[in-house]
PDB file of N, CA and C in Angstrom:
ATOM      1  N   MET A   1    -224.577 -19.665 -26.632  1.00  0.00           N
ATOM      2  CA  MET A   1    -224.023 -19.021 -25.467  1.00  0.00           C
ATOM      3  C   MET A   1    -223.067 -17.930 -25.929  1.00  0.00           C
ATOM      4  N   ASN A   2    -223.251 -16.743 -25.394  1.00  0.00           N
ATOM      5  CA  ASN A   2    -222.426 -15.609 -25.775  1.00  0.00           C
ATOM      6  C   ASN A   2    -221.807 -15.007 -24.519  1.00  0.00           C
ATOM      7  N   ILE A   3    -220.573 -15.394 -24.219  1.00  0.00           N
ATOM      8  CA  ILE A   3    -219.898 -14.892 -23.034  1.00  0.00           C
ATOM      9  C   ILE A   3    -218.486 -14.461 -23.420  1.00  0.00           C
ATOM     10  N   ASN A   4    -218.093 -13.306 -22.932  1.00  0.00           N
ATOM     11  CA  ASN A   4    -216.755 -12.794 -23.167  1.00  0.00           C
ATOM     12  C   ASN A   4    -215.974 -12.935 -21.866  1.00  0.00           C
ATOM     13  N   LEU A   5    -215.115 -13.931 -21.793  1.00  0.00           N
ATOM     14  CA  LEU A   5    -214.383 -14.209 -20.565  1.00  0.00           C
ATOM     15  C   LEU A   5    -213.441 -13.086 -20.168  1.00  0.00           C
ATOM     16  N   SER A   6    -213.061 -12.243 -21.114  1.00  0.00           N
ATOM     17  CA  SER A   6    -212.161 -11.133 -20.779  1.00  0.00           C
ATOM     18  C   SER A   6    -212.863 -10.064 -19.934  1.00  0.00           C
ATOM     19  N   ASN A   7    -214.176 -10.169 -19.771  1.00  0.00           N
ATOM     20  CA  ASN A   7    -214.918  -9.243 -18.910  1.00  0.00           C
ATOM     21  C   ASN A   7    -214.734  -9.548 -17.430  1.00  0.00           C
ATOM     22  N   TYR A   8    -214.077 -10.658 -17.108  1.00  0.00           N
ATOM     23  CA  TYR A   8    -213.982 -11.109 -15.723  1.00  0.00           C
ATOM     24  C   TYR A   8    -212.532 -11.115 -15.250  1.00  0.00           C
ATOM     25  N   ASP A   9    -212.337 -10.623 -14.030  1.00  0.00           N
ATOM     26  CA  ASP A   9    -211.004 -10.589 -13.415  1.00  0.00           C
ATOM     27  C   ASP A   9    -210.621 -11.931 -12.817  1.00  0.00           C
ATOM     28  N   ILE A  10    -211.611 -12.624 -12.280  1.00  0.00           N
ATOM     29  CA  ILE A  10    -211.390 -13.883 -11.571  1.00  0.00           C
ATOM     30  C   ILE A  10    -212.425 -14.887 -12.066  1.00  0.00           C
ATOM     31  N   ILE A  11    -211.955 -16.051 -12.475  1.00  0.00           N
ATOM     32  CA  ILE A  11    -212.840 -17.129 -12.904  1.00  0.00           C
ATOM     33  C   ILE A  11    -212.577 -18.306 -11.977  1.00  0.00           C
ATOM     34  N   VAL A  12    -213.602 -18.743 -11.274  1.00  0.00           N
ATOM     35  CA  VAL A  12    -213.451 -19.767 -10.245  1.00  0.00           C
ATOM     36  C   VAL A  12    -214.590 -20.772 -10.355  1.00  0.00           C
ATOM     37  N   GLY A  13    -214.290 -22.037 -10.073  1.00  0.00           N
ATOM     38  CA  GLY A  13    -215.357 -23.024 -10.103  1.00  0.00           C
ATOM     39  C   GLY A  13    -214.862 -24.445 -10.010  1.00  0.00           C
ATOM     40  N   VAL A  14    -215.774 -25.349 -10.338  1.00  0.00           N
ATOM     41  CA  VAL A  14    -215.523 -26.781 -10.298  1.00  0.00           C
ATOM     42  C   VAL A  14    -215.541 -27.292 -11.744  1.00  0.00           C
ATOM     43  N   PRO A  15    -214.461 -27.926 -12.185  1.00  0.00           N
ATOM     44  CA  PRO A  15    -214.353 -28.348 -13.586  1.00  0.00           C
ATOM     45  C   PRO A  15    -215.455 -29.316 -14.037  1.00  0.00           C
ATOM     46  N   CYS A  16    -215.716 -29.243 -15.334  1.00  0.00           N
ATOM     47  CA  CYS A  16    -216.675 -30.121 -16.012  1.00  0.00           C
ATOM     48  C   CYS A  16    -216.170 -30.295 -17.435  1.00  0.00           C
ATOM     49  N   SER A  17    -216.318 -31.477 -17.977  1.00  0.00           N
ATOM     50  CA  SER A  17    -215.844 -31.739 -19.339  1.00  0.00           C
ATOM     51  C   SER A  17    -216.537 -30.847 -20.373  1.00  0.00           C
ATOM     52  N   LYS A  18    -217.724 -30.345 -20.076  1.00  0.00           N
ATOM     53  CA  LYS A  18    -218.466 -29.488 -21.009  1.00  0.00           C
ATOM     54  C   LYS A  18    -217.802 -28.119 -21.194  1.00  0.00           C
ATOM     55  N   PHE A  19    -216.858 -27.758 -20.323  1.00  0.00           N
ATOM     56  CA  PHE A  19    -216.170 -26.473 -20.443  1.00  0.00           C
ATOM     57  C   PHE A  19    -214.928 -26.562 -21.322  1.00  0.00           C
ATOM     58  N   LYS A  20    -214.640 -27.762 -21.839  1.00  0.00           N
ATOM     59  CA  LYS A  20    -213.488 -27.933 -22.719  1.00  0.00           C
ATOM     60  C   LYS A  20    -213.655 -27.034 -23.937  1.00  0.00           C
ATOM     61  N   GLY A  21    -212.622 -26.294 -24.263  1.00  0.00           N
ATOM     62  CA  GLY A  21    -212.673 -25.374 -25.383  1.00  0.00           C
ATOM     63  C   GLY A  21    -213.255 -24.009 -25.035  1.00  0.00           C
ATOM     64  N   ILE A  22    -213.790 -23.870 -23.828  1.00  0.00           N
ATOM     65  CA  ILE A  22    -214.334 -22.590 -23.374  1.00  0.00           C
ATOM     66  C   ILE A  22    -213.421 -21.979 -22.314  1.00  0.00           C
ATOM     67  N   LEU A  23    -213.054 -22.802 -21.339  1.00  0.00           N
ATOM     68  CA  LEU A  23    -212.196 -22.342 -20.247  1.00  0.00           C
ATOM     69  C   LEU A  23    -210.808 -22.964 -20.351  1.00  0.00           C
ATOM     70  N   ASN A  24    -209.810 -22.200 -19.996  1.00  0.00           N
ATOM     71  CA  ASN A  24    -208.462 -22.716 -19.800  1.00  0.00           C
ATOM     72  C   ASN A  24    -208.267 -22.793 -18.291  1.00  0.00           C
ATOM     73  N   TYR A  25    -208.287 -23.996 -17.750  1.00  0.00           N
ATOM     74  CA  TYR A  25    -208.231 -24.150 -16.297  1.00  0.00           C
ATOM     75  C   TYR A  25    -206.946 -23.597 -15.686  1.00  0.00           C
ATOM     76  N   ASN A  26    -205.905 -23.399 -16.498  1.00  0.00           N
ATOM     77  CA  ASN A  26    -204.677 -22.783 -15.985  1.00  0.00           C
ATOM     78  C   ASN A  26    -204.905 -21.321 -15.617  1.00  0.00           C
ATOM     79  N   ASP A  27    -205.955 -20.719 -16.149  1.00  0.00           N
ATOM     80  CA  ASP A  27    -206.281 -19.322 -15.858  1.00  0.00           C
ATOM     81  C   ASP A  27    -207.391 -19.191 -14.822  1.00  0.00           C
ATOM     82  N   CYS A  28    -207.778 -20.300 -14.214  1.00  0.00           N
ATOM     83  CA  CYS A  28    -208.898 -20.315 -13.278  1.00  0.00           C
ATOM     84  C   CYS A  28    -208.448 -20.719 -11.883  1.00  0.00           C
ATOM     85  N   ILE A  29    -209.275 -20.370 -10.910  1.00  0.00           N
ATOM     86  CA  ILE A  29    -209.122 -20.902  -9.559  1.00  0.00           C
ATOM     87  C   ILE A  29    -210.042 -22.117  -9.488  1.00  0.00           C
ATOM     88  N   ILE A  30    -209.479 -23.261  -9.162  1.00  0.00           N
ATOM     89  CA  ILE A  30    -210.274 -24.488  -9.068  1.00  0.00           C
ATOM     90  C   ILE A  30    -210.708 -24.664  -7.613  1.00  0.00           C
ATOM     91  N   ALA A  31    -212.006 -24.730  -7.409  1.00  0.00           N
ATOM     92  CA  ALA A  31    -212.571 -24.906  -6.071  1.00  0.00           C
ATOM     93  C   ALA A  31    -212.918 -26.371  -5.839  1.00  0.00           C
ATOM     94  N   THR A  32    -213.028 -26.741  -4.569  1.00  0.00           N
ATOM     95  CA  THR A  32    -213.385 -28.126  -4.252  1.00  0.00           C
ATOM     96  C   THR A  32    -214.897 -28.338  -4.271  1.00  0.00           C
ATOM     97  N   THR A  33    -215.658 -27.265  -4.032  1.00  0.00           N
ATOM     98  CA  THR A  33    -217.120 -27.342  -4.107  1.00  0.00           C
ATOM     99  C   THR A  33    -217.645 -26.071  -4.766  1.00  0.00           C
ATOM    100  N   GLU A  34    -218.852 -26.141  -5.248  1.00  0.00           N
ATOM    101  CA  GLU A  34    -219.477 -24.998  -5.895  1.00  0.00           C
ATOM    102  C   GLU A  34    -219.738 -23.875  -4.903  1.00  0.00           C
ATOM    103  N   SER A  35    -220.129 -24.216  -3.676  1.00  0.00           N
ATOM    104  CA  SER A  35    -220.351 -23.184  -2.662  1.00  0.00           C
ATOM    105  C   SER A  35    -219.052 -22.470  -2.319  1.00  0.00           C
ATOM    106  N   GLU A  36    -217.959 -23.221  -2.276  1.00  0.00           N
ATOM    107  CA  GLU A  36    -216.656 -22.603  -2.052  1.00  0.00           C
ATOM    108  C   GLU A  36    -216.337 -21.632  -3.190  1.00  0.00           C
ATOM    109  N   ALA A  37    -216.642 -22.011  -4.421  1.00  0.00           N
ATOM    110  CA  ALA A  37    -216.391 -21.143  -5.573  1.00  0.00           C
ATOM    111  C   ALA A  37    -217.192 -19.849  -5.458  1.00  0.00           C
ATOM    112  N   VAL A  38    -218.465 -19.946  -5.075  1.00  0.00           N
ATOM    113  CA  VAL A  38    -219.290 -18.749  -4.909  1.00  0.00           C
ATOM    114  C   VAL A  38    -218.735 -17.888  -3.774  1.00  0.00           C
ATOM    115  N   ALA A  39    -218.311 -18.503  -2.684  1.00  0.00           N
ATOM    116  CA  ALA A  39    -217.745 -17.741  -1.561  1.00  0.00           C
ATOM    117  C   ALA A  39    -216.489 -16.982  -1.985  1.00  0.00           C
ATOM    118  N   ILE A  40    -215.622 -17.622  -2.749  1.00  0.00           N
ATOM    119  CA  ILE A  40    -214.419 -16.954  -3.258  1.00  0.00           C
ATOM    120  C   ILE A  40    -214.828 -15.785  -4.159  1.00  0.00           C
ATOM    121  N   ALA A  41    -215.819 -16.020  -5.012  1.00  0.00           N
ATOM    122  CA  ALA A  41    -216.295 -14.976  -5.924  1.00  0.00           C
ATOM    123  C   ALA A  41    -216.901 -13.804  -5.163  1.00  0.00           C
ATOM    124  N   VAL A  42    -217.635 -14.075  -4.097  1.00  0.00           N
ATOM    125  CA  VAL A  42    -218.216 -13.001  -3.288  1.00  0.00           C
ATOM    126  C   VAL A  42    -217.096 -12.150  -2.692  1.00  0.00           C
ATOM    127  N   GLY A  43    -216.079 -12.797  -2.161  1.00  0.00           N
ATOM    128  CA  GLY A  43    -214.940 -12.045  -1.624  1.00  0.00           C
ATOM    129  C   GLY A  43    -214.290 -11.181  -2.679  1.00  0.00           C
ATOM    130  N   ALA A  44    -214.118 -11.734  -3.872  1.00  0.00           N
ATOM    131  CA  ALA A  44    -213.530 -10.965  -4.979  1.00  0.00           C
ATOM    132  C   ALA A  44    -214.426  -9.788  -5.356  1.00  0.00           C
ATOM    133  N   TYR A  45    -215.730 -10.025  -5.416  1.00  0.00           N
ATOM    134  CA  TYR A  45    -216.690  -8.969  -5.736  1.00  0.00           C
ATOM    135  C   TYR A  45    -216.601  -7.838  -4.716  1.00  0.00           C
ATOM    136  N   LEU A  46    -216.559  -8.197  -3.441  1.00  0.00           N
ATOM    137  CA  LEU A  46    -216.486  -7.190  -2.387  1.00  0.00           C
ATOM    138  C   LEU A  46    -215.162  -6.424  -2.419  1.00  0.00           C
ATOM    139  N   ALA A  47    -214.140  -7.025  -3.030  1.00  0.00           N
ATOM    140  CA  ALA A  47    -212.841  -6.365  -3.186  1.00  0.00           C
ATOM    141  C   ALA A  47    -212.770  -5.558  -4.485  1.00  0.00           C
ATOM    142  N   GLY A  48    -213.889  -5.478  -5.199  1.00  0.00           N
ATOM    143  CA  GLY A  48    -213.941  -4.672  -6.408  1.00  0.00           C
ATOM    144  C   GLY A  48    -213.622  -5.403  -7.697  1.00  0.00           C
ATOM    145  N   LYS A  49    -213.523  -6.713  -7.645  1.00  0.00           N
ATOM    146  CA  LYS A  49    -213.237  -7.516  -8.842  1.00  0.00           C
ATOM    147  C   LYS A  49    -214.533  -7.923  -9.533  1.00  0.00           C
ATOM    148  N   LYS A  50    -214.380  -8.442 -10.758  1.00  0.00           N
ATOM    149  CA  LYS A  50    -215.508  -8.959 -11.537  1.00  0.00           C
ATOM    150  C   LYS A  50    -215.335 -10.466 -11.694  1.00  0.00           C
ATOM    151  N   PRO A  51    -215.940 -11.247 -10.778  1.00  0.00           N
ATOM    152  CA  PRO A  51    -215.778 -12.702 -10.838  1.00  0.00           C
ATOM    153  C   PRO A  51    -216.822 -13.392 -11.718  1.00  0.00           C
ATOM    154  N   LEU A  52    -216.473 -14.586 -12.130  1.00  0.00           N
ATOM    155  CA  LEU A  52    -217.369 -15.506 -12.826  1.00  0.00           C
ATOM    156  C   LEU A  52    -217.198 -16.864 -12.165  1.00  0.00           C
ATOM    157  N   VAL A  53    -218.310 -17.543 -11.896  1.00  0.00           N
ATOM    158  CA  VAL A  53    -218.267 -18.880 -11.289  1.00  0.00           C
ATOM    159  C   VAL A  53    -218.769 -19.900 -12.300  1.00  0.00           C
ATOM    160  N   PHE A  54    -218.014 -20.991 -12.471  1.00  0.00           N
ATOM    161  CA  PHE A  54    -218.435 -22.065 -13.375  1.00  0.00           C
ATOM    162  C   PHE A  54    -218.726 -23.333 -12.593  1.00  0.00           C
ATOM    163  N   MET A  55    -219.741 -24.087 -13.070  1.00  0.00           N
ATOM    164  CA  MET A  55    -220.168 -25.303 -12.373  1.00  0.00           C
ATOM    165  C   MET A  55    -221.118 -26.100 -13.261  1.00  0.00           C
ATOM    166  N   GLN A  56    -221.344 -27.343 -12.881  1.00  0.00           N
ATOM    167  CA  GLN A  56    -222.417 -28.131 -13.485  1.00  0.00           C
ATOM    168  C   GLN A  56    -223.736 -27.708 -12.844  1.00  0.00           C
ATOM    169  N   ASN A  57    -224.834 -27.987 -13.527  1.00  0.00           N
ATOM    170  CA  ASN A  57    -226.128 -27.637 -12.949  1.00  0.00           C
ATOM    171  C   ASN A  57    -226.402 -28.393 -11.651  1.00  0.00           C
ATOM    172  N   SER A  58    -225.880 -29.596 -11.494  1.00  0.00           N
ATOM    173  CA  SER A  58    -226.075 -30.302 -10.220  1.00  0.00           C
ATOM    174  C   SER A  58    -225.380 -29.546  -9.095  1.00  0.00           C
ATOM    175  N   GLY A  59    -224.272 -28.894  -9.389  1.00  0.00           N
ATOM    176  CA  GLY A  59    -223.576 -28.082  -8.400  1.00  0.00           C
ATOM    177  C   GLY A  59    -224.344 -26.824  -8.041  1.00  0.00           C
ATOM    178  N   LEU A  60    -225.131 -26.319  -8.990  1.00  0.00           N
ATOM    179  CA  LEU A  60    -225.961 -25.148  -8.686  1.00  0.00           C
ATOM    180  C   LEU A  60    -226.849 -25.437  -7.487  1.00  0.00           C
ATOM    181  N   MET A  61    -227.346 -26.655  -7.403  1.00  0.00           N
ATOM    182  CA  MET A  61    -228.249 -27.014  -6.308  1.00  0.00           C
ATOM    183  C   MET A  61    -227.563 -26.841  -4.953  1.00  0.00           C
ATOM    184  N   THR A  62    -226.264 -27.068  -4.891  1.00  0.00           N
ATOM    185  CA  THR A  62    -225.544 -26.937  -3.616  1.00  0.00           C
ATOM    186  C   THR A  62    -225.241 -25.482  -3.275  1.00  0.00           C
ATOM    187  N   THR A  63    -225.444 -24.555  -4.224  1.00  0.00           N
ATOM    188  CA  THR A  63    -225.153 -23.142  -3.970  1.00  0.00           C
ATOM    189  C   THR A  63    -226.399 -22.346  -3.597  1.00  0.00           C
ATOM    190  N   LEU A  64    -227.551 -22.975  -3.576  1.00  0.00           N
ATOM    191  CA  LEU A  64    -228.791 -22.231  -3.354  1.00  0.00           C
ATOM    192  C   LEU A  64    -228.801 -21.478  -2.028  1.00  0.00           C
ATOM    193  N   ASP A  65    -228.207 -22.034  -0.988  1.00  0.00           N
ATOM    194  CA  ASP A  65    -228.188 -21.343   0.304  1.00  0.00           C
ATOM    195  C   ASP A  65    -227.399 -20.040   0.218  1.00  0.00           C
ATOM    196  N   ILE A  66    -226.184 -20.100  -0.294  1.00  0.00           N
ATOM    197  CA  ILE A  66    -225.362 -18.889  -0.361  1.00  0.00           C
ATOM    198  C   ILE A  66    -225.942 -17.878  -1.354  1.00  0.00           C
ATOM    199  N   LEU A  67    -226.536 -18.353  -2.445  1.00  0.00           N
ATOM    200  CA  LEU A  67    -227.143 -17.436  -3.412  1.00  0.00           C
ATOM    201  C   LEU A  67    -228.363 -16.723  -2.824  1.00  0.00           C
ATOM    202  N   THR A  68    -229.182 -17.457  -2.062  1.00  0.00           N
ATOM    203  CA  THR A  68    -230.417 -16.868  -1.540  1.00  0.00           C
ATOM    204  C   THR A  68    -230.240 -16.138  -0.213  1.00  0.00           C
ATOM    205  N   SER A  69    -229.231 -16.511   0.580  1.00  0.00           N
ATOM    206  CA  SER A  69    -229.076 -15.873   1.895  1.00  0.00           C
ATOM    207  C   SER A  69    -227.987 -14.803   1.921  1.00  0.00           C
ATOM    208  N   LEU A  70    -227.127 -14.766   0.905  1.00  0.00           N
ATOM    209  CA  LEU A  70    -226.073 -13.756   0.869  1.00  0.00           C
ATOM    210  C   LEU A  70    -226.155 -12.912  -0.405  1.00  0.00           C
ATOM    211  N   CYS A  71    -226.119 -13.555  -1.538  1.00  0.00           N
ATOM    212  CA  CYS A  71    -226.057 -12.804  -2.792  1.00  0.00           C
ATOM    213  C   CYS A  71    -227.340 -12.014  -3.070  1.00  0.00           C
ATOM    214  N   LYS A  72    -228.488 -12.652  -2.978  1.00  0.00           N
ATOM    215  CA  LYS A  72    -229.749 -11.969  -3.283  1.00  0.00           C
ATOM    216  C   LYS A  72    -230.039 -10.814  -2.314  1.00  0.00           C
ATOM    217  N   PRO A  73    -230.016 -11.031  -0.988  1.00  0.00           N
ATOM    218  CA  PRO A  73    -230.392  -9.932  -0.084  1.00  0.00           C
ATOM    219  C   PRO A  73    -229.445  -8.731  -0.143  1.00  0.00           C
ATOM    220  N   TYR A  74    -228.187  -8.978  -0.480  1.00  0.00           N
ATOM    221  CA  TYR A  74    -227.206  -7.891  -0.497  1.00  0.00           C
ATOM    222  C   TYR A  74    -226.836  -7.452  -1.917  1.00  0.00           C
ATOM    223  N   ALA A  75    -227.633  -7.873  -2.892  1.00  0.00           N
ATOM    224  CA  ALA A  75    -227.452  -7.476  -4.297  1.00  0.00           C
ATOM    225  C   ALA A  75    -226.028  -7.709  -4.794  1.00  0.00           C
ATOM    226  N   ILE A  76    -225.472  -8.866  -4.436  1.00  0.00           N
ATOM    227  CA  ILE A  76    -224.144  -9.258  -4.912  1.00  0.00           C
ATOM    228  C   ILE A  76    -224.351 -10.073  -6.181  1.00  0.00           C
ATOM    229  N   LYS A  77    -223.939  -9.503  -7.299  1.00  0.00           N
ATOM    230  CA  LYS A  77    -224.141 -10.177  -8.593  1.00  0.00           C
ATOM    231  C   LYS A  77    -222.903 -10.982  -8.945  1.00  0.00           C
ATOM    232  N   ILE A  78    -223.067 -12.276  -8.984  1.00  0.00           N
ATOM    233  CA  ILE A  78    -222.006 -13.201  -9.365  1.00  0.00           C
ATOM    234  C   ILE A  78    -222.485 -13.959 -10.598  1.00  0.00           C
ATOM    235  N   PRO A  79    -222.010 -13.609 -11.790  1.00  0.00           N
ATOM    236  CA  PRO A  79    -222.420 -14.351 -12.979  1.00  0.00           C
ATOM    237  C   PRO A  79    -221.997 -15.822 -12.894  1.00  0.00           C
ATOM    238  N   LEU A  80    -222.861 -16.678 -13.408  1.00  0.00           N
ATOM    239  CA  LEU A  80    -222.644 -18.123 -13.355  1.00  0.00           C
ATOM    240  C   LEU A  80    -222.533 -18.692 -14.769  1.00  0.00           C
ATOM    241  N   LEU A  81    -221.549 -19.535 -14.985  1.00  0.00           N
ATOM    242  CA  LEU A  81    -221.405 -20.304 -16.217  1.00  0.00           C
ATOM    243  C   LEU A  81    -221.751 -21.741 -15.842  1.00  0.00           C
ATOM    244  N   ILE A  82    -222.856 -22.242 -16.372  1.00  0.00           N
ATOM    245  CA  ILE A  82    -223.400 -23.527 -15.921  1.00  0.00           C
ATOM    246  C   ILE A  82    -223.507 -24.498 -17.089  1.00  0.00           C
ATOM    247  N   SER A  83    -222.934 -25.684 -16.897  1.00  0.00           N
ATOM    248  CA  SER A  83    -223.153 -26.743 -17.887  1.00  0.00           C
ATOM    249  C   SER A  83    -224.455 -27.447 -17.518  1.00  0.00           C
ATOM    250  N   LEU A  84    -225.385 -27.431 -18.457  1.00  0.00           N
ATOM    251  CA  LEU A  84    -226.705 -28.023 -18.240  1.00  0.00           C
ATOM    252  C   LEU A  84    -226.644 -29.482 -18.646  1.00  0.00           C
ATOM    253  N   ARG A  85    -226.544 -30.344 -17.648  1.00  0.00           N
ATOM    254  CA  ARG A  85    -226.404 -31.778 -17.879  1.00  0.00           C
ATOM    255  C   ARG A  85    -227.746 -32.471 -17.681  1.00  0.00           C
ATOM    256  N   THR A  86    -228.115 -33.312 -18.640  1.00  0.00           N
ATOM    257  CA  THR A  86    -229.331 -34.121 -18.496  1.00  0.00           C
ATOM    258  C   THR A  86    -229.031 -35.603 -18.658  1.00  0.00           C
ATOM    259  N   THR A  87    -227.803 -35.920 -19.026  1.00  0.00           N
ATOM    260  CA  THR A  87    -227.345 -37.305 -19.100  1.00  0.00           C
ATOM    261  C   THR A  87    -225.986 -37.365 -18.439  1.00  0.00           C
ATOM    262  N   PRO A  88    -225.598 -38.444 -17.869  1.00  0.00           N
ATOM    263  CA  PRO A  88    -226.295 -39.712 -17.681  1.00  0.00           C
ATOM    264  C   PRO A  88    -227.507 -39.568 -16.753  1.00  0.00           C
ATOM    265  N   PRO A  89    -228.208 -40.670 -16.521  1.00  0.00           N
ATOM    266  CA  PRO A  89    -229.474 -40.621 -15.785  1.00  0.00           C
ATOM    267  C   PRO A  89    -229.435 -39.889 -14.443  1.00  0.00           C
ATOM    268  N   HIS A  90    -228.323 -39.941 -13.722  1.00  0.00           N
ATOM    269  CA  HIS A  90    -228.305 -39.281 -12.413  1.00  0.00           C
ATOM    270  C   HIS A  90    -228.302 -37.754 -12.537  1.00  0.00           C
ATOM    271  N   HIS A  91    -228.114 -37.208 -13.743  1.00  0.00           N
ATOM    272  CA  HIS A  91    -228.196 -35.764 -13.973  1.00  0.00           C
ATOM    273  C   HIS A  91    -229.574 -35.340 -14.485  1.00  0.00           C
ATOM    274  N   LYS A  92    -230.414 -36.286 -14.853  1.00  0.00           N
ATOM    275  CA  LYS A  92    -231.678 -35.998 -15.531  1.00  0.00           C
ATOM    276  C   LYS A  92    -232.582 -35.039 -14.745  1.00  0.00           C
ATOM    277  N   PHE A  93    -232.853 -35.328 -13.480  1.00  0.00           N
ATOM    278  CA  PHE A  93    -233.785 -34.495 -12.715  1.00  0.00           C
ATOM    279  C   PHE A  93    -233.245 -33.077 -12.551  1.00  0.00           C
ATOM    280  N   CYS A  94    -231.987 -32.948 -12.152  1.00  0.00           N
ATOM    281  CA  CYS A  94    -231.400 -31.602 -12.006  1.00  0.00           C
ATOM    282  C   CYS A  94    -231.452 -30.856 -13.329  1.00  0.00           C
ATOM    283  N   GLY A  95    -231.194 -31.557 -14.405  1.00  0.00           N
ATOM    284  CA  GLY A  95    -231.249 -30.934 -15.720  1.00  0.00           C
ATOM    285  C   GLY A  95    -232.629 -30.417 -16.065  1.00  0.00           C
ATOM    286  N   GLU A  96    -233.648 -31.126 -15.612  1.00  0.00           N
ATOM    287  CA  GLU A  96    -235.025 -30.723 -15.913  1.00  0.00           C
ATOM    288  C   GLU A  96    -235.471 -29.496 -15.117  1.00  0.00           C
ATOM    289  N   ILE A  97    -234.919 -29.281 -13.938  1.00  0.00           N
ATOM    290  CA  ILE A  97    -235.391 -28.188 -13.084  1.00  0.00           C
ATOM    291  C   ILE A  97    -234.453 -26.977 -13.036  1.00  0.00           C
ATOM    292  N   THR A  98    -233.274 -27.074 -13.616  1.00  0.00           N
ATOM    293  CA  THR A  98    -232.281 -26.000 -13.507  1.00  0.00           C
ATOM    294  C   THR A  98    -232.803 -24.657 -14.002  1.00  0.00           C
ATOM    295  N   GLU A  99    -233.344 -24.618 -15.193  1.00  0.00           N
ATOM    296  CA  GLU A  99    -233.788 -23.330 -15.738  1.00  0.00           C
ATOM    297  C   GLU A  99    -234.935 -22.730 -14.924  1.00  0.00           C
ATOM    298  N   SER A 100    -235.810 -23.567 -14.391  1.00  0.00           N
ATOM    299  CA  SER A 100    -236.890 -23.069 -13.532  1.00  0.00           C
ATOM    300  C   SER A 100    -236.331 -22.456 -12.261  1.00  0.00           C
ATOM    301  N   ILE A 101    -235.341 -23.096 -11.682  1.00  0.00           N
ATOM    302  CA  ILE A 101    -234.727 -22.565 -10.456  1.00  0.00           C
ATOM    303  C   ILE A 101    -234.053 -21.227 -10.733  1.00  0.00           C
ATOM    304  N   LEU A 102    -233.343 -21.130 -11.841  1.00  0.00           N
ATOM    305  CA  LEU A 102    -232.684 -19.864 -12.191  1.00  0.00           C
ATOM    306  C   LEU A 102    -233.715 -18.745 -12.366  1.00  0.00           C
ATOM    307  N   LYS A 103    -234.852 -19.064 -12.957  1.00  0.00           N
ATOM    308  CA  LYS A 103    -235.913 -18.064 -13.124  1.00  0.00           C
ATOM    309  C   LYS A 103    -236.520 -17.676 -11.782  1.00  0.00           C
ATOM    310  N   ILE A 104    -236.741 -18.655 -10.897  1.00  0.00           N
ATOM    311  CA  ILE A 104    -237.270 -18.371  -9.562  1.00  0.00           C
ATOM    312  C   ILE A 104    -236.328 -17.442  -8.805  1.00  0.00           C
ATOM    313  N   LEU A 105    -235.023 -17.614  -9.018  1.00  0.00           N
ATOM    314  CA  LEU A 105    -234.032 -16.746  -8.373  1.00  0.00           C
ATOM    315  C   LEU A 105    -234.011 -15.344  -8.980  1.00  0.00           C
ATOM    316  N   GLY A 106    -234.757 -15.165 -10.073  1.00  0.00           N
ATOM    317  CA  GLY A 106    -234.805 -13.862 -10.722  1.00  0.00           C
ATOM    318  C   GLY A 106    -233.583 -13.564 -11.578  1.00  0.00           C
ATOM    319  N   LEU A 107    -232.884 -14.612 -12.008  1.00  0.00           N
ATOM    320  CA  LEU A 107    -231.683 -14.437 -12.813  1.00  0.00           C
ATOM    321  C   LEU A 107    -232.026 -14.446 -14.293  1.00  0.00           C
ATOM    322  N   LYS A 108    -231.282 -13.662 -15.068  1.00  0.00           N
ATOM    323  CA  LYS A 108    -231.532 -13.537 -16.505  1.00  0.00           C
ATOM    324  C   LYS A 108    -230.412 -14.204 -17.296  1.00  0.00           C
ATOM    325  N   GLU A 109    -230.811 -15.078 -18.224  1.00  0.00           N
ATOM    326  CA  GLU A 109    -229.818 -15.736 -19.071  1.00  0.00           C
ATOM    327  C   GLU A 109    -229.125 -14.710 -19.954  1.00  0.00           C
ATOM    328  N   GLY A 110    -227.822 -14.857 -20.097  1.00  0.00           N
ATOM    329  CA  GLY A 110    -227.038 -13.938 -20.901  1.00  0.00           C
ATOM    330  C   GLY A 110    -226.529 -12.741 -20.129  1.00  0.00           C
ATOM    331  N   GLU A 111    -227.011 -12.600 -18.900  1.00  0.00           N
ATOM    332  CA  GLU A 111    -226.585 -11.502 -18.041  1.00  0.00           C
ATOM    333  C   GLU A 111    -226.096 -12.034 -16.699  1.00  0.00           C
ATOM    334  N   ASP A 112    -226.989 -12.761 -16.007  1.00  0.00           N
ATOM    335  CA  ASP A 112    -226.665 -13.306 -14.690  1.00  0.00           C
ATOM    336  C   ASP A 112    -226.128 -14.731 -14.769  1.00  0.00           C
ATOM    337  N   TYR A 113    -226.483 -15.427 -15.835  1.00  0.00           N
ATOM    338  CA  TYR A 113    -225.985 -16.783 -16.023  1.00  0.00           C
ATOM    339  C   TYR A 113    -225.894 -17.108 -17.504  1.00  0.00           C
ATOM    340  N   PHE A 114    -225.035 -18.064 -17.790  1.00  0.00           N
ATOM    341  CA  PHE A 114    -224.814 -18.544 -19.151  1.00  0.00           C
ATOM    342  C   PHE A 114    -224.883 -20.058 -19.106  1.00  0.00           C
ATOM    343  N   LEU A 115    -225.696 -20.655 -19.967  1.00  0.00           N
ATOM    344  CA  LEU A 115    -225.858 -22.112 -19.980  1.00  0.00           C
ATOM    345  C   LEU A 115    -225.119 -22.728 -21.160  1.00  0.00           C
ATOM    346  N   ILE A 116    -224.452 -23.812 -20.873  1.00  0.00           N
ATOM    347  CA  ILE A 116    -223.882 -24.648 -21.934  1.00  0.00           C
ATOM    348  C   ILE A 116    -224.781 -25.872 -21.995  1.00  0.00           C
ATOM    349  N   ARG A 117    -225.568 -25.937 -23.024  1.00  0.00           N
ATOM    350  CA  ARG A 117    -226.543 -27.031 -23.169  1.00  0.00           C
ATOM    351  C   ARG A 117    -225.914 -28.204 -23.909  1.00  0.00           C
ATOM    352  N   GLU A 118    -226.430 -29.380 -23.585  1.00  0.00           N
ATOM    353  CA  GLU A 118    -225.986 -30.584 -24.301  1.00  0.00           C
ATOM    354  C   GLU A 118    -226.530 -30.553 -25.721  1.00  0.00           C
ATOM    355  N   ALA A 119    -225.779 -31.127 -26.624  1.00  0.00           N
ATOM    356  CA  ALA A 119    -226.240 -31.214 -28.016  1.00  0.00           C
ATOM    357  C   ALA A 119    -227.509 -32.052 -28.070  1.00  0.00           C
ATOM    358  N   ALA A 120    -228.443 -31.624 -28.902  1.00  0.00           N
ATOM    359  CA  ALA A 120    -229.720 -32.349 -29.012  1.00  0.00           C
ATOM    360  C   ALA A 120    -229.563 -33.649 -29.751  1.00  0.00           C
TER     361      ALA A 120
END
């Protein structure tokens, strides 16, 4: 994963242990839900800021409505930092379909989203 956090004015999202050593939560806006984080980022984008949203891949599933009904039709680019979780078992299915969903959305890794994968 190659991301330069200094490229972003506002970093907002829902914490995950996989972001340890990558994000300093004292420098972030902590949201209660992933959709709330995207909504805050959209507002920042419309105000001329460069936001980044962080979340687990299971949280990505809850943002599909706002991404497809607001961000895509109006060309609002909100980069996503996503922890790709496949364990424990309740994360397995979301982990298996996350990259396919990102591709269906037409997003490019390293540009529109950044994945933090679990160690093999």
